């Protein structure tokens, strides 16, 4: 979200290049997150913790799986912006950035709820 916002706030003639770099950084970070989440799931499976093991593991898999799907949607939006020519990228940057910020706030909210329980 920070890389996307950094890129979005640029004005002037350098905006398109910075948008592409910032959105590419967001894309790389999002892919890294998904890769790390996949690694965590594999480690849990190696320890014998599966979706149907108990309610706690089911809840964890559900939350992280849904978040992963949202991240995949955000990655598609970032790739779409990064691949657009010229001003098309600038026009599509704001909705993609808002979506990433929504994901960030949602995940922080969920973490707060989980720690409060």
PDB file of N, CA and C in Angstrom:
ATOM      1  N   UNK A   1       0.824  -1.183   0.000  1.00  0.00           N
ATOM      2  CA  UNK A   1       0.000   0.000   0.000  1.00  0.00           C
ATOM      3  C   UNK A   1       0.877   1.260   0.000  1.00  0.00           C
ATOM      4  N   UNK A   2       1.979   1.215   0.744  1.00  0.00           N
ATOM      5  CA  UNK A   2       2.868   2.385   0.806  1.00  0.00           C
ATOM      6  C   UNK A   2       3.532   2.641  -0.545  1.00  0.00           C
ATOM      7  N   UNK A   3       3.968   1.601  -1.227  1.00  0.00           N
ATOM      8  CA  UNK A   3       4.604   1.766  -2.537  1.00  0.00           C
ATOM      9  C   UNK A   3       3.608   2.316  -3.554  1.00  0.00           C
ATOM     10  N   UNK A   4       2.385   1.843  -3.486  1.00  0.00           N
ATOM     11  CA  UNK A   4       1.346   2.307  -4.406  1.00  0.00           C
ATOM     12  C   UNK A   4       1.027   3.773  -4.132  1.00  0.00           C
ATOM     13  N   UNK A   5       0.910   4.143  -2.865  1.00  0.00           N
ATOM     14  CA  UNK A   5       0.608   5.531  -2.522  1.00  0.00           C
ATOM     15  C   UNK A   5       1.763   6.455  -2.895  1.00  0.00           C
ATOM     16  N   UNK A   6       2.992   6.009  -2.685  1.00  0.00           N
ATOM     17  CA  UNK A   6       4.159   6.795  -3.089  1.00  0.00           C
ATOM     18  C   UNK A   6       4.106   7.086  -4.586  1.00  0.00           C
ATOM     19  N   UNK A   7       3.772   6.094  -5.362  1.00  0.00           N
ATOM     20  CA  UNK A   7       3.714   6.274  -6.814  1.00  0.00           C
ATOM     21  C   UNK A   7       2.544   7.160  -7.225  1.00  0.00           C
ATOM     22  N   UNK A   8       1.425   7.011  -6.557  1.00  0.00           N
ATOM     23  CA  UNK A   8       0.215   7.753  -6.935  1.00  0.00           C
ATOM     24  C   UNK A   8       0.338   9.242  -6.660  1.00  0.00           C
ATOM     25  N   UNK A   9       1.089   9.615  -5.656  1.00  0.00           N
ATOM     26  CA  UNK A   9       1.182  11.026  -5.266  1.00  0.00           C
ATOM     27  C   UNK A   9       2.115  11.857  -6.135  1.00  0.00           C
ATOM     28  N   UNK A  10       2.748  11.258  -7.098  1.00  0.00           N
ATOM     29  CA  UNK A  10       3.663  11.979  -7.971  1.00  0.00           C
ATOM     30  C   UNK A  10       2.884  12.757  -9.019  1.00  0.00           C
ATOM     31  N   UNK A  11       3.303  13.963  -9.261  1.00  0.00           N
ATOM     32  CA  UNK A  11       2.690  14.779 -10.308  1.00  0.00           C
ATOM     33  C   UNK A  11       3.707  15.113 -11.383  1.00  0.00           C
ATOM     34  N   UNK A  12       3.261  15.801 -12.378  1.00  0.00           N
ATOM     35  CA  UNK A  12       4.159  16.269 -13.423  1.00  0.00           C
ATOM     36  C   UNK A  12       4.513  15.219 -14.455  1.00  0.00           C
ATOM     37  N   UNK A  13       5.525  15.524 -15.256  1.00  0.00           N
ATOM     38  CA  UNK A  13       5.879  14.644 -16.375  1.00  0.00           C
ATOM     39  C   UNK A  13       6.465  13.303 -15.944  1.00  0.00           C
ATOM     40  N   UNK A  14       6.981  13.218 -14.739  1.00  0.00           N
ATOM     41  CA  UNK A  14       7.579  11.961 -14.278  1.00  0.00           C
ATOM     42  C   UNK A  14       6.543  10.999 -13.699  1.00  0.00           C
ATOM     43  N   UNK A  15       5.272  11.402 -13.703  1.00  0.00           N
ATOM     44  CA  UNK A  15       4.238  10.613 -13.026  1.00  0.00           C
ATOM     45  C   UNK A  15       4.078   9.208 -13.599  1.00  0.00           C
ATOM     46  N   UNK A  16       4.058   9.062 -14.894  1.00  0.00           N
ATOM     47  CA  UNK A  16       3.797   7.753 -15.499  1.00  0.00           C
ATOM     48  C   UNK A  16       4.910   6.769 -15.145  1.00  0.00           C
ATOM     49  N   UNK A  17       6.160   7.199 -15.249  1.00  0.00           N
ATOM     50  CA  UNK A  17       7.269   6.316 -14.908  1.00  0.00           C
ATOM     51  C   UNK A  17       7.260   5.925 -13.442  1.00  0.00           C
ATOM     52  N   UNK A  18       6.965   6.885 -12.579  1.00  0.00           N
ATOM     53  CA  UNK A  18       6.926   6.583 -11.151  1.00  0.00           C
ATOM     54  C   UNK A  18       5.731   5.697 -10.817  1.00  0.00           C
ATOM     55  N   UNK A  19       4.607   5.900 -11.496  1.00  0.00           N
ATOM     56  CA  UNK A  19       3.456   5.019 -11.302  1.00  0.00           C
ATOM     57  C   UNK A  19       3.824   3.576 -11.630  1.00  0.00           C
ATOM     58  N   UNK A  20       4.466   3.406 -12.761  1.00  0.00           N
ATOM     59  CA  UNK A  20       4.836   2.043 -13.165  1.00  0.00           C
ATOM     60  C   UNK A  20       5.810   1.410 -12.163  1.00  0.00           C
ATOM     61  N   UNK A  21       6.795   2.178 -11.711  1.00  0.00           N
ATOM     62  CA  UNK A  21       7.764   1.635 -10.745  1.00  0.00           C
ATOM     63  C   UNK A  21       7.098   1.321  -9.411  1.00  0.00           C
ATOM     64  N   UNK A  22       6.272   2.231  -8.926  1.00  0.00           N
ATOM     65  CA  UNK A  22       5.598   2.011  -7.652  1.00  0.00           C
ATOM     66  C   UNK A  22       4.616   0.864  -7.703  1.00  0.00           C
ATOM     67  N   UNK A  23       3.875   0.772  -8.797  1.00  0.00           N
ATOM     68  CA  UNK A  23       2.912  -0.313  -8.919  1.00  0.00           C
ATOM     69  C   UNK A  23       3.629  -1.636  -9.153  1.00  0.00           C
ATOM     70  N   UNK A  24       4.764  -1.603  -9.828  1.00  0.00           N
ATOM     71  CA  UNK A  24       5.560  -2.833  -9.985  1.00  0.00           C
ATOM     72  C   UNK A  24       6.104  -3.277  -8.628  1.00  0.00           C
ATOM     73  N   UNK A  25       6.530  -2.326  -7.797  1.00  0.00           N
ATOM     74  CA  UNK A  25       6.993  -2.667  -6.447  1.00  0.00           C
ATOM     75  C   UNK A  25       5.854  -3.272  -5.634  1.00  0.00           C
ATOM     76  N   UNK A  26       4.665  -2.687  -5.730  1.00  0.00           N
ATOM     77  CA  UNK A  26       3.496  -3.251  -5.051  1.00  0.00           C
ATOM     78  C   UNK A  26       3.178  -4.650  -5.544  1.00  0.00           C
ATOM     79  N   UNK A  27       3.329  -4.851  -6.841  1.00  0.00           N
ATOM     80  CA  UNK A  27       3.090  -6.168  -7.438  1.00  0.00           C
ATOM     81  C   UNK A  27       4.077  -7.195  -6.898  1.00  0.00           C
ATOM     82  N   UNK A  28       5.335  -6.823  -6.833  1.00  0.00           N
ATOM     83  CA  UNK A  28       6.370  -7.733  -6.313  1.00  0.00           C
ATOM     84  C   UNK A  28       6.120  -8.041  -4.837  1.00  0.00           C
ATOM     85  N   UNK A  29       5.780  -7.027  -4.055  1.00  0.00           N
ATOM     86  CA  UNK A  29       5.520  -7.241  -2.631  1.00  0.00           C
ATOM     87  C   UNK A  29       4.276  -8.105  -2.419  1.00  0.00           C
ATOM     88  N   UNK A  30       3.250  -7.903  -3.235  1.00  0.00           N
ATOM     89  CA  UNK A  30       2.050  -8.727  -3.141  1.00  0.00           C
ATOM     90  C   UNK A  30       2.331 -10.180  -3.496  1.00  0.00           C
ATOM     91  N   UNK A  31       3.128 -10.390  -4.533  1.00  0.00           N
ATOM     92  CA  UNK A  31       3.506 -11.758  -4.898  1.00  0.00           C
ATOM     93  C   UNK A  31       4.343 -12.404  -3.794  1.00  0.00           C
ATOM     94  N   UNK A  32       5.222 -11.617  -3.173  1.00  0.00           N
ATOM     95  CA  UNK A  32       6.021 -12.139  -2.063  1.00  0.00           C
ATOM     96  C   UNK A  32       5.122 -12.536  -0.898  1.00  0.00           C
ATOM     97  N   UNK A  33       4.115 -11.713  -0.613  1.00  0.00           N
ATOM     98  CA  UNK A  33       3.172 -12.051   0.453  1.00  0.00           C
ATOM     99  C   UNK A  33       2.470 -13.367   0.158  1.00  0.00           C
ATOM    100  N   UNK A  34       1.973 -13.526  -1.057  1.00  0.00           N
ATOM    101  CA  UNK A  34       1.293 -14.777  -1.412  1.00  0.00           C
ATOM    102  C   UNK A  34       2.234 -15.967  -1.320  1.00  0.00           C
ATOM    103  N   UNK A  35       3.477 -15.788  -1.742  1.00  0.00           N
ATOM    104  CA  UNK A  35       4.457 -16.863  -1.650  1.00  0.00           C
ATOM    105  C   UNK A  35       4.739 -17.250  -0.205  1.00  0.00           C
ATOM    106  N   UNK A  36       4.860 -16.251   0.663  1.00  0.00           N
ATOM    107  CA  UNK A  36       5.092 -16.531   2.077  1.00  0.00           C
ATOM    108  C   UNK A  36       3.874 -17.182   2.721  1.00  0.00           C
ATOM    109  N   UNK A  37       2.683 -16.767   2.303  1.00  0.00           N
ATOM    110  CA  UNK A  37       1.469 -17.382   2.840  1.00  0.00           C
ATOM    111  C   UNK A  37       1.386 -18.844   2.421  1.00  0.00           C
ATOM    112  N   UNK A  38       1.739 -19.121   1.187  1.00  0.00           N
ATOM    113  CA  UNK A  38       1.754 -20.497   0.705  1.00  0.00           C
ATOM    114  C   UNK A  38       2.763 -21.332   1.511  1.00  0.00           C
ATOM    115  N   UNK A  39       3.911 -20.754   1.797  1.00  0.00           N
ATOM    116  CA  UNK A  39       4.922 -21.437   2.602  1.00  0.00           C
ATOM    117  C   UNK A  39       4.379 -21.734   4.001  1.00  0.00           C
ATOM    118  N   UNK A  40       3.685 -20.774   4.594  1.00  0.00           N
ATOM    119  CA  UNK A  40       3.105 -20.987   5.923  1.00  0.00           C
ATOM    120  C   UNK A  40       2.078 -22.117   5.890  1.00  0.00           C
ATOM    121  N   UNK A  41       1.248 -22.148   4.854  1.00  0.00           N
ATOM    122  CA  UNK A  41       0.259 -23.223   4.727  1.00  0.00           C
ATOM    123  C   UNK A  41       0.943 -24.579   4.609  1.00  0.00           C
ATOM    124  N   UNK A  42       2.022 -24.631   3.846  1.00  0.00           N
ATOM    125  CA  UNK A  42       2.748 -25.903   3.690  1.00  0.00           C
ATOM    126  C   UNK A  42       3.371 -26.348   5.007  1.00  0.00           C
ATOM    127  N   UNK A  43       3.889 -25.389   5.773  1.00  0.00           N
ATOM    128  CA  UNK A  43       4.465 -25.727   7.073  1.00  0.00           C
ATOM    129  C   UNK A  43       3.393 -26.242   8.034  1.00  0.00           C
ATOM    130  N   UNK A  44       2.229 -25.616   8.007  1.00  0.00           N
ATOM    131  CA  UNK A  44       1.129 -26.099   8.841  1.00  0.00           C
ATOM    132  C   UNK A  44       0.714 -27.509   8.437  1.00  0.00           C
ATOM    133  N   UNK A  45       0.626 -27.758   7.147  1.00  0.00           N
ATOM    134  CA  UNK A  45       0.261 -29.091   6.668  1.00  0.00           C
ATOM    135  C   UNK A  45       1.315 -30.122   7.079  1.00  0.00           C
ATOM    136  N   UNK A  46       2.581 -29.731   7.049  1.00  0.00           N
ATOM    137  CA  UNK A  46       3.647 -30.648   7.453  1.00  0.00           C
ATOM    138  C   UNK A  46       3.548 -30.990   8.945  1.00  0.00           C
ATOM    139  N   UNK A  47       2.960 -30.075   9.727  1.00  0.00           N
ATOM    140  CA  UNK A  47       2.774 -30.326  11.157  1.00  0.00           C
ATOM    141  C   UNK A  47       1.453 -31.039  11.437  1.00  0.00           C
ATOM    142  N   UNK A  48       0.699 -31.350  10.375  1.00  0.00           N
ATOM    143  CA  UNK A  48      -0.569 -32.056  10.544  1.00  0.00           C
ATOM    144  C   UNK A  48      -1.748 -31.152  10.840  1.00  0.00           C
ATOM    145  N   UNK A  49      -1.602 -29.861  10.586  1.00  0.00           N
ATOM    146  CA  UNK A  49      -2.693 -28.913  10.818  1.00  0.00           C
ATOM    147  C   UNK A  49      -3.329 -28.599   9.462  1.00  0.00           C
ATOM    148  N   UNK A  50      -4.561 -29.059   9.294  1.00  0.00           N
ATOM    149  CA  UNK A  50      -5.266 -28.894   8.030  1.00  0.00           C
ATOM    150  C   UNK A  50      -6.542 -28.085   8.242  1.00  0.00           C
ATOM    151  N   UNK A  51      -7.216 -27.788   7.164  1.00  0.00           N
ATOM    152  CA  UNK A  51      -8.458 -27.020   7.209  1.00  0.00           C
ATOM    153  C   UNK A  51      -9.476 -27.664   8.148  1.00  0.00           C
ATOM    154  N   UNK A  52      -9.618 -28.957   8.070  1.00  0.00           N
ATOM    155  CA  UNK A  52     -10.631 -29.663   8.865  1.00  0.00           C
ATOM    156  C   UNK A  52     -10.098 -30.186  10.200  1.00  0.00           C
ATOM    157  N   UNK A  53      -8.894 -29.816  10.589  1.00  0.00           N
ATOM    158  CA  UNK A  53      -8.315 -30.325  11.833  1.00  0.00           C
ATOM    159  C   UNK A  53      -9.109 -29.903  13.064  1.00  0.00           C
ATOM    160  N   UNK A  54      -9.420 -28.618  13.130  1.00  0.00           N
ATOM    161  CA  UNK A  54     -10.206 -28.097  14.251  1.00  0.00           C
ATOM    162  C   UNK A  54     -10.761 -26.726  13.857  1.00  0.00           C
ATOM    163  N   UNK A  55     -11.668 -26.169  14.647  1.00  0.00           N
ATOM    164  CA  UNK A  55     -12.252 -24.873  14.280  1.00  0.00           C
ATOM    165  C   UNK A  55     -11.225 -23.746  14.167  1.00  0.00           C
ATOM    166  N   UNK A  56     -10.200 -23.779  14.989  1.00  0.00           N
ATOM    167  CA  UNK A  56      -9.190 -22.715  14.948  1.00  0.00           C
ATOM    168  C   UNK A  56      -8.421 -22.737  13.628  1.00  0.00           C
ATOM    169  N   UNK A  57      -8.023 -23.910  13.199  1.00  0.00           N
ATOM    170  CA  UNK A  57      -7.293 -23.994  11.932  1.00  0.00           C
ATOM    171  C   UNK A  57      -8.213 -23.660  10.759  1.00  0.00           C
ATOM    172  N   UNK A  58      -9.467 -24.065  10.843  1.00  0.00           N
ATOM    173  CA  UNK A  58     -10.420 -23.730   9.776  1.00  0.00           C
ATOM    174  C   UNK A  58     -10.566 -22.217   9.649  1.00  0.00           C
ATOM    175  N   UNK A  59     -10.677 -21.548  10.782  1.00  0.00           N
ATOM    176  CA  UNK A  59     -10.820 -20.097  10.796  1.00  0.00           C
ATOM    177  C   UNK A  59      -9.573 -19.429  10.216  1.00  0.00           C
ATOM    178  N   UNK A  60      -8.401 -19.917  10.595  1.00  0.00           N
ATOM    179  CA  UNK A  60      -7.157 -19.366  10.069  1.00  0.00           C
ATOM    180  C   UNK A  60      -7.078 -19.532   8.555  1.00  0.00           C
ATOM    181  N   UNK A  61      -7.352 -20.743   8.062  1.00  0.00           N
ATOM    182  CA  UNK A  61      -7.310 -20.986   6.626  1.00  0.00           C
ATOM    183  C   UNK A  61      -8.346 -20.135   5.892  1.00  0.00           C
ATOM    184  N   UNK A  62      -9.525 -19.983   6.472  1.00  0.00           N
ATOM    185  CA  UNK A  62     -10.565 -19.170   5.844  1.00  0.00           C
ATOM    186  C   UNK A  62     -10.130 -17.715   5.728  1.00  0.00           C
ATOM    187  N   UNK A  63      -9.657 -17.140   6.832  1.00  0.00           N
ATOM    188  CA  UNK A  63      -9.245 -15.734   6.802  1.00  0.00           C
ATOM    189  C   UNK A  63      -8.082 -15.492   5.847  1.00  0.00           C
ATOM    190  N   UNK A  64      -7.060 -16.325   5.941  1.00  0.00           N
ATOM    191  CA  UNK A  64      -5.895 -16.105   5.088  1.00  0.00           C
ATOM    192  C   UNK A  64      -6.196 -16.442   3.627  1.00  0.00           C
ATOM    193  N   UNK A  65      -7.054 -17.418   3.398  1.00  0.00           N
ATOM    194  CA  UNK A  65      -7.435 -17.748   2.018  1.00  0.00           C
ATOM    195  C   UNK A  65      -8.226 -16.625   1.366  1.00  0.00           C
ATOM    196  N   UNK A  66      -9.177 -16.056   2.102  1.00  0.00           N
ATOM    197  CA  UNK A  66      -9.947 -14.931   1.560  1.00  0.00           C
ATOM    198  C   UNK A  66      -9.051 -13.715   1.337  1.00  0.00           C
ATOM    199  N   UNK A  67      -8.142 -13.494   2.262  1.00  0.00           N
ATOM    200  CA  UNK A  67      -7.213 -12.375   2.073  1.00  0.00           C
ATOM    201  C   UNK A  67      -6.342 -12.620   0.844  1.00  0.00           C
ATOM    202  N   UNK A  68      -5.899 -13.856   0.657  1.00  0.00           N
ATOM    203  CA  UNK A  68      -5.115 -14.189  -0.537  1.00  0.00           C
ATOM    204  C   UNK A  68      -5.882 -13.938  -1.825  1.00  0.00           C
ATOM    205  N   UNK A  69      -7.175 -14.242  -1.815  1.00  0.00           N
ATOM    206  CA  UNK A  69      -7.994 -13.957  -3.007  1.00  0.00           C
ATOM    207  C   UNK A  69      -8.096 -12.453  -3.252  1.00  0.00           C
ATOM    208  N   UNK A  70      -8.254 -11.685  -2.184  1.00  0.00           N
ATOM    209  CA  UNK A  70      -8.286 -10.231  -2.350  1.00  0.00           C
ATOM    210  C   UNK A  70      -6.949  -9.709  -2.873  1.00  0.00           C
ATOM    211  N   UNK A  71      -5.870 -10.252  -2.360  1.00  0.00           N
ATOM    212  CA  UNK A  71      -4.541  -9.856  -2.842  1.00  0.00           C
ATOM    213  C   UNK A  71      -4.405 -10.186  -4.326  1.00  0.00           C
ATOM    214  N   UNK A  72      -4.876 -11.354  -4.733  1.00  0.00           N
ATOM    215  CA  UNK A  72      -4.805 -11.727  -6.151  1.00  0.00           C
ATOM    216  C   UNK A  72      -5.586 -10.729  -7.009  1.00  0.00           C
ATOM    217  N   UNK A  73      -6.745 -10.289  -6.533  1.00  0.00           N
ATOM    218  CA  UNK A  73      -7.503  -9.259  -7.257  1.00  0.00           C
ATOM    219  C   UNK A  73      -6.743  -7.945  -7.317  1.00  0.00           C
ATOM    220  N   UNK A  74      -6.112  -7.581  -6.197  1.00  0.00           N
ATOM    221  CA  UNK A  74      -5.302  -6.363  -6.184  1.00  0.00           C
ATOM    222  C   UNK A  74      -4.103  -6.455  -7.112  1.00  0.00           C
ATOM    223  N   UNK A  75      -3.507  -7.629  -7.189  1.00  0.00           N
ATOM    224  CA  UNK A  75      -2.377  -7.830  -8.104  1.00  0.00           C
ATOM    225  C   UNK A  75      -2.819  -7.671  -9.552  1.00  0.00           C
ATOM    226  N   UNK A  76      -4.014  -8.163  -9.858  1.00  0.00           N
ATOM    227  CA  UNK A  76      -4.542  -7.986 -11.221  1.00  0.00           C
ATOM    228  C   UNK A  76      -4.738  -6.499 -11.522  1.00  0.00           C
ATOM    229  N   UNK A  77      -5.231  -5.747 -10.543  1.00  0.00           N
ATOM    230  CA  UNK A  77      -5.410  -4.300 -10.732  1.00  0.00           C
ATOM    231  C   UNK A  77      -4.070  -3.603 -10.925  1.00  0.00           C
ATOM    232  N   UNK A  78      -3.070  -3.982 -10.127  1.00  0.00           N
ATOM    233  CA  UNK A  78      -1.748  -3.369 -10.265  1.00  0.00           C
ATOM    234  C   UNK A  78      -1.133  -3.694 -11.622  1.00  0.00           C
ATOM    235  N   UNK A  79      -1.267  -4.939 -12.050  1.00  0.00           N
ATOM    236  CA  UNK A  79      -0.721  -5.328 -13.351  1.00  0.00           C
ATOM    237  C   UNK A  79      -1.428  -4.583 -14.467  1.00  0.00           C
ATOM    238  N   UNK A  80      -2.721  -4.377 -14.311  1.00  0.00           N
ATOM    239  CA  UNK A  80      -3.478  -3.637 -15.321  1.00  0.00           C
ATOM    240  C   UNK A  80      -2.993  -2.199 -15.432  1.00  0.00           C
ATOM    241  N   UNK A  81      -2.760  -1.566 -14.293  1.00  0.00           N
ATOM    242  CA  UNK A  81      -2.273  -0.183 -14.309  1.00  0.00           C
ATOM    243  C   UNK A  81      -0.862  -0.120 -14.881  1.00  0.00           C
ATOM    244  N   UNK A  82       0.000  -1.021 -14.432  1.00  0.00           N
ATOM    245  CA  UNK A  82       1.387  -1.009 -14.893  1.00  0.00           C
ATOM    246  C   UNK A  82       1.490  -1.269 -16.389  1.00  0.00           C
ATOM    247  N   UNK A  83       0.543  -1.999 -16.946  1.00  0.00           N
ATOM    248  CA  UNK A  83       0.591  -2.333 -18.366  1.00  0.00           C
ATOM    249  C   UNK A  83      -0.091  -1.336 -19.279  1.00  0.00           C
ATOM    250  N   UNK A  84      -0.762  -0.345 -18.723  1.00  0.00           N
ATOM    251  CA  UNK A  84      -1.469   0.632 -19.570  1.00  0.00           C
ATOM    252  C   UNK A  84      -0.501   1.682 -20.103  1.00  0.00           C
ATOM    253  N   UNK A  85      -0.739   2.130 -21.301  1.00  0.00           N
ATOM    254  CA  UNK A  85       0.127   3.167 -21.861  1.00  0.00           C
ATOM    255  C   UNK A  85      -0.258   4.558 -21.356  1.00  0.00           C
ATOM    256  N   UNK A  86       0.748   5.389 -21.169  1.00  0.00           N
ATOM    257  CA  UNK A  86       0.584   6.819 -20.893  1.00  0.00           C
ATOM    258  C   UNK A  86      -0.441   7.182 -19.838  1.00  0.00           C
ATOM    259  N   UNK A  87      -1.367   8.039 -20.231  1.00  0.00           N
ATOM    260  CA  UNK A  87      -2.354   8.576 -19.295  1.00  0.00           C
ATOM    261  C   UNK A  87      -3.375   7.540 -18.852  1.00  0.00           C
ATOM    262  N   UNK A  88      -3.476   6.437 -19.566  1.00  0.00           N
ATOM    263  CA  UNK A  88      -4.366   5.363 -19.130  1.00  0.00           C
ATOM    264  C   UNK A  88      -3.946   4.820 -17.781  1.00  0.00           C
ATOM    265  N   UNK A  89      -2.645   4.766 -17.550  1.00  0.00           N
ATOM    266  CA  UNK A  89      -2.127   4.306 -16.255  1.00  0.00           C
ATOM    267  C   UNK A  89      -2.491   5.299 -15.166  1.00  0.00           C
ATOM    268  N   UNK A  90      -2.359   6.585 -15.454  1.00  0.00           N
ATOM    269  CA  UNK A  90      -2.673   7.603 -14.459  1.00  0.00           C
ATOM    270  C   UNK A  90      -4.155   7.590 -14.101  1.00  0.00           C
ATOM    271  N   UNK A  91      -5.009   7.363 -15.077  1.00  0.00           N
ATOM    272  CA  UNK A  91      -6.458   7.352 -14.833  1.00  0.00           C
ATOM    273  C   UNK A  91      -6.873   6.152 -13.993  1.00  0.00           C
ATOM    274  N   UNK A  92      -6.195   5.039 -14.148  1.00  0.00           N
ATOM    275  CA  UNK A  92      -6.563   3.821 -13.427  1.00  0.00           C
ATOM    276  C   UNK A  92      -5.841   3.685 -12.098  1.00  0.00           C
ATOM    277  N   UNK A  93      -4.923   4.574 -11.799  1.00  0.00           N
ATOM    278  CA  UNK A  93      -4.117   4.450 -10.585  1.00  0.00           C
ATOM    279  C   UNK A  93      -4.934   4.664  -9.315  1.00  0.00           C
ATOM    280  N   UNK A  94      -5.807   5.641  -9.296  1.00  0.00           N
ATOM    281  CA  UNK A  94      -6.554   5.941  -8.074  1.00  0.00           C
ATOM    282  C   UNK A  94      -7.450   4.798  -7.617  1.00  0.00           C
ATOM    283  N   UNK A  95      -8.268   4.194  -8.490  1.00  0.00           N
ATOM    284  CA  UNK A  95      -9.088   3.071  -8.015  1.00  0.00           C
ATOM    285  C   UNK A  95      -8.253   1.890  -7.520  1.00  0.00           C
ATOM    286  N   UNK A  96      -7.153   1.607  -8.178  1.00  0.00           N
ATOM    287  CA  UNK A  96      -6.287   0.509  -7.741  1.00  0.00           C
ATOM    288  C   UNK A  96      -5.668   0.828  -6.386  1.00  0.00           C
ATOM    289  N   UNK A  97      -5.255   2.076  -6.182  1.00  0.00           N
ATOM    290  CA  UNK A  97      -4.665   2.475  -4.899  1.00  0.00           C
ATOM    291  C   UNK A  97      -5.699   2.393  -3.779  1.00  0.00           C
ATOM    292  N   UNK A  98      -6.918   2.828  -4.049  1.00  0.00           N
ATOM    293  CA  UNK A  98      -7.970   2.756  -3.037  1.00  0.00           C
ATOM    294  C   UNK A  98      -8.220   1.301  -2.639  1.00  0.00           C
ATOM    295  N   UNK A  99      -8.212   0.393  -3.595  1.00  0.00           N
ATOM    296  CA  UNK A  99      -8.413  -1.019  -3.291  1.00  0.00           C
ATOM    297  C   UNK A  99      -7.300  -1.538  -2.395  1.00  0.00           C
ATOM    298  N   UNK A 100      -6.037  -1.189  -2.698  1.00  0.00           N
ATOM    299  CA  UNK A 100      -4.915  -1.632  -1.864  1.00  0.00           C
ATOM    300  C   UNK A 100      -5.007  -1.061  -0.465  1.00  0.00           C
ATOM    301  N   UNK A 101      -5.415   0.200  -0.343  1.00  0.00           N
ATOM    302  CA  UNK A 101      -5.556   0.806   0.981  1.00  0.00           C
ATOM    303  C   UNK A 101      -6.673   0.108   1.762  1.00  0.00           C
ATOM    304  N   UNK A 102      -7.744  -0.237   1.065  1.00  0.00           N
ATOM    305  CA  UNK A 102      -8.835  -0.990   1.700  1.00  0.00           C
ATOM    306  C   UNK A 102      -8.314  -2.311   2.254  1.00  0.00           C
ATOM    307  N   UNK A 103      -7.515  -3.028   1.471  1.00  0.00           N
ATOM    308  CA  UNK A 103      -6.953  -4.299   1.934  1.00  0.00           C
ATOM    309  C   UNK A 103      -6.075  -4.107   3.165  1.00  0.00           C
ATOM    310  N   UNK A 104      -5.273  -3.066   3.158  1.00  0.00           N
ATOM    311  CA  UNK A 104      -4.395  -2.796   4.295  1.00  0.00           C
ATOM    312  C   UNK A 104      -5.200  -2.523   5.555  1.00  0.00           C
ATOM    313  N   UNK A 105      -6.189  -1.643   5.455  1.00  0.00           N
ATOM    314  CA  UNK A 105      -7.008  -1.294   6.618  1.00  0.00           C
ATOM    315  C   UNK A 105      -7.810  -2.511   7.081  1.00  0.00           C
ATOM    316  N   UNK A 106      -8.361  -3.269   6.156  1.00  0.00           N
ATOM    317  CA  UNK A 106      -9.135  -4.461   6.511  1.00  0.00           C
ATOM    318  C   UNK A 106      -8.270  -5.468   7.257  1.00  0.00           C
ATOM    319  N   UNK A 107      -7.070  -5.710   6.770  1.00  0.00           N
ATOM    320  CA  UNK A 107      -6.204  -6.687   7.414  1.00  0.00           C
ATOM    321  C   UNK A 107      -5.783  -6.209   8.806  1.00  0.00           C
ATOM    322  N   UNK A 108      -5.483  -4.925   8.960  1.00  0.00           N
ATOM    323  CA  UNK A 108      -5.140  -4.396  10.280  1.00  0.00           C
ATOM    324  C   UNK A 108      -6.325  -4.510  11.237  1.00  0.00           C
ATOM    325  N   UNK A 109      -7.519  -4.257  10.742  1.00  0.00           N
ATOM    326  CA  UNK A 109      -8.730  -4.394  11.542  1.00  0.00           C
ATOM    327  C   UNK A 109      -8.923  -5.847  11.975  1.00  0.00           C
ATOM    328  N   UNK A 110      -8.751  -6.784  11.067  1.00  0.00           N
ATOM    329  CA  UNK A 110      -8.891  -8.195  11.403  1.00  0.00           C
ATOM    330  C   UNK A 110      -7.851  -8.632  12.429  1.00  0.00           C
ATOM    331  N   UNK A 111      -6.622  -8.161  12.264  1.00  0.00           N
ATOM    332  CA  UNK A 111      -5.594  -8.494  13.248  1.00  0.00           C
ATOM    333  C   UNK A 111      -5.944  -7.958  14.625  1.00  0.00           C
ATOM    334  N   UNK A 112      -6.465  -6.740  14.679  1.00  0.00           N
ATOM    335  CA  UNK A 112      -6.878  -6.153  15.957  1.00  0.00           C
ATOM    336  C   UNK A 112      -7.986  -6.975  16.591  1.00  0.00           C
ATOM    337  N   UNK A 113      -8.941  -7.408  15.800  1.00  0.00           N
ATOM    338  CA  UNK A 113     -10.033  -8.234  16.334  1.00  0.00           C
ATOM    339  C   UNK A 113      -9.498  -9.562  16.837  1.00  0.00           C
ATOM    340  N   UNK A 114      -8.621 -10.183  16.077  1.00  0.00           N
ATOM    341  CA  UNK A 114      -8.072 -11.479  16.486  1.00  0.00           C
ATOM    342  C   UNK A 114      -7.266 -11.372  17.777  1.00  0.00           C
ATOM    343  N   UNK A 115      -6.510 -10.294  17.922  1.00  0.00           N
ATOM    344  CA  UNK A 115      -5.741 -10.132  19.151  1.00  0.00           C
ATOM    345  C   UNK A 115      -6.632  -9.776  20.332  1.00  0.00           C
ATOM    346  N   UNK A 116      -7.764  -9.123  20.081  1.00  0.00           N
ATOM    347  CA  UNK A 116      -8.688  -8.765  21.143  1.00  0.00           C
ATOM    348  C   UNK A 116      -9.437  -9.983  21.666  1.00  0.00           C
ATOM    349  N   UNK A 117      -9.604 -10.983  20.808  1.00  0.00           N
ATOM    350  CA  UNK A 117     -10.324 -12.184  21.249  1.00  0.00           C
ATOM    351  C   UNK A 117      -9.398 -12.988  22.080  1.00  0.00           C
TER     352      UNK A 117
END
